[in-house]
Amino acid sequence: MAENGRRQRGAQEWGELLRQQRASGLPVPAFCRREGISAWTFYGWRSRLRAGRPRRAESRPPAPAAEVTPFIDLGALSTPAAQRWEVRVDLGGGIVSHLVRS
């Protein structure tokens, strides 16, 4: 249980709750009241799981080792000939870090 007294559920547990709700035939608000869970949280997890993007990082598969670059040596870029450089790093999930030195 979390420090705030609420139970933390993972993607697998929420998937099971989604299946139980469908099988129960109850509307989402009634099912959530019966189970003691927030309907807004239920809807949020339903949306995430349908889109295939669970909230917690441990639910995602690790990046393939071939794509991981642990170090970029920018030392060679400090020479006078290299006055401008750009580095774009795709962090996944639509996040891109773009560094520019002019």
Protein backbone atom coordinates (compact mmCIF):
# COMPACT_ATOMS: atom_id res chain seq x y z
CA MET A 1 0.00 0.00 0.00
CA ALA A 2 1.27 3.51 -0.76
CA GLU A 3 2.10 6.05 1.96
CA ASN A 4 -1.21 7.84 1.31
CA GLY A 5 -3.13 4.68 2.26
CA ARG A 6 -4.14 3.88 -1.31
CA ARG A 7 -3.28 0.62 -2.96
CA GLN A 8 -0.93 0.82 -5.93
CA ARG A 9 -1.96 -1.40 -8.85
CA GLY A 10 0.11 -2.23 -11.89
CA ALA A 11 -0.93 -2.47 -15.52
CA GLN A 12 -1.65 -6.19 -15.21
CA GLU A 13 -4.02 -5.68 -12.27
CA TRP A 14 -5.82 -2.84 -14.04
CA GLY A 15 -6.19 -5.03 -17.12
CA GLU A 16 -7.87 -7.65 -14.94
CA LEU A 17 -10.21 -5.02 -13.44
CA LEU A 18 -11.14 -3.89 -16.96
CA ARG A 19 -12.01 -7.49 -17.87
CA GLN A 20 -14.04 -7.91 -14.67
CA GLN A 21 -16.00 -4.73 -15.37
CA ARG A 22 -16.89 -5.87 -18.90
CA ALA A 23 -17.92 -9.30 -17.62
CA SER A 24 -20.03 -7.81 -14.81
CA GLY A 25 -22.31 -5.90 -17.18
CA LEU A 26 -22.28 -2.99 -14.74
CA PRO A 27 -21.68 0.57 -15.90
CA VAL A 28 -18.19 1.82 -14.98
CA PRO A 29 -19.35 4.13 -12.13
CA ALA A 30 -21.35 1.32 -10.46
CA PHE A 31 -18.50 -1.18 -10.87
CA CYS A 32 -16.01 1.30 -9.41
CA ARG A 33 -18.24 2.02 -6.42
CA ARG A 34 -18.59 -1.72 -5.80
CA GLU A 35 -14.81 -2.23 -6.01
CA GLY A 36 -13.95 0.92 -4.06
CA ILE A 37 -11.88 2.48 -6.84
CA SER A 38 -11.96 5.86 -8.52
CA ALA A 39 -13.90 5.95 -11.79
CA TRP A 40 -11.49 8.61 -13.12
CA THR A 41 -8.52 6.35 -12.41
CA PHE A 42 -10.37 3.46 -14.05
CA TYR A 43 -11.03 5.53 -17.18
CA GLY A 44 -7.40 6.71 -17.23
CA TRP A 45 -6.04 3.16 -17.07
CA ARG A 46 -8.54 1.98 -19.67
CA SER A 47 -7.31 4.68 -22.02
CA ARG A 48 -3.63 3.93 -21.35
CA LEU A 49 -4.02 0.18 -21.77
CA ARG A 50 -6.04 0.55 -24.98
CA ALA A 51 -3.30 2.79 -26.38
CA GLY A 52 -0.64 0.31 -25.24
CA ARG A 53 1.16 2.76 -22.98
CA PRO A 54 1.14 1.78 -19.32
CA ARG A 55 2.01 4.55 -16.86
CA ARG A 56 4.81 2.92 -14.90
CA ALA A 57 8.28 2.57 -16.41
CA GLU A 58 8.69 -0.99 -15.06
CA SER A 59 5.75 -2.01 -17.25
CA ARG A 60 7.59 -1.04 -20.43
CA PRO A 61 10.07 -3.37 -22.10
CA PRO A 62 13.69 -2.20 -21.85
CA ALA A 63 15.28 -0.55 -24.87
CA PRO A 64 17.33 -2.92 -27.01
CA ALA A 65 21.00 -2.81 -26.04
CA ALA A 66 22.06 -1.99 -29.61
CA GLU A 67 20.20 1.35 -29.46
CA VAL A 68 21.65 2.50 -26.14
CA THR A 69 24.58 4.90 -26.39
CA PRO A 70 25.86 5.47 -22.87
CA PHE A 71 28.40 8.18 -23.77
CA ILE A 72 28.83 10.91 -26.37
CA ASP A 73 32.35 12.39 -26.48
CA LEU A 74 31.93 16.10 -27.17
CA GLY A 75 35.60 16.83 -26.40
CA ALA A 76 36.53 16.75 -30.09
CA LEU A 77 33.98 19.47 -30.73
CA SER A 78 35.86 22.02 -28.61
CA THR A 79 38.50 22.66 -31.31
CA PRO A 80 38.39 26.04 -33.11
CA ALA A 81 37.30 24.33 -36.36
CA ALA A 82 34.14 23.06 -34.70
CA GLN A 83 32.44 26.34 -33.92
CA ARG A 84 28.90 25.01 -34.21
CA TRP A 85 27.51 21.60 -33.25
CA GLU A 86 24.13 20.00 -32.72
CA VAL A 87 23.20 16.85 -30.82
CA ARG A 88 19.71 15.33 -31.04
CA VAL A 89 18.88 12.52 -28.64
CA ASP A 90 15.60 10.64 -29.05
CA LEU A 91 14.61 9.61 -25.52
CA GLY A 92 11.53 7.70 -26.67
CA GLY A 93 7.90 8.43 -26.00
CA GLY A 94 8.01 11.46 -28.29
CA ILE A 95 10.71 13.22 -26.22
CA VAL A 96 13.73 14.58 -28.08
CA SER A 97 16.60 16.48 -26.46
CA HIS A 98 18.18 18.94 -28.91
CA LEU A 99 21.45 20.66 -27.92
CA VAL A 100 23.01 23.35 -30.11
CA ARG A 101 26.27 25.23 -29.69
CA SER A 102 26.99 28.14 -32.03
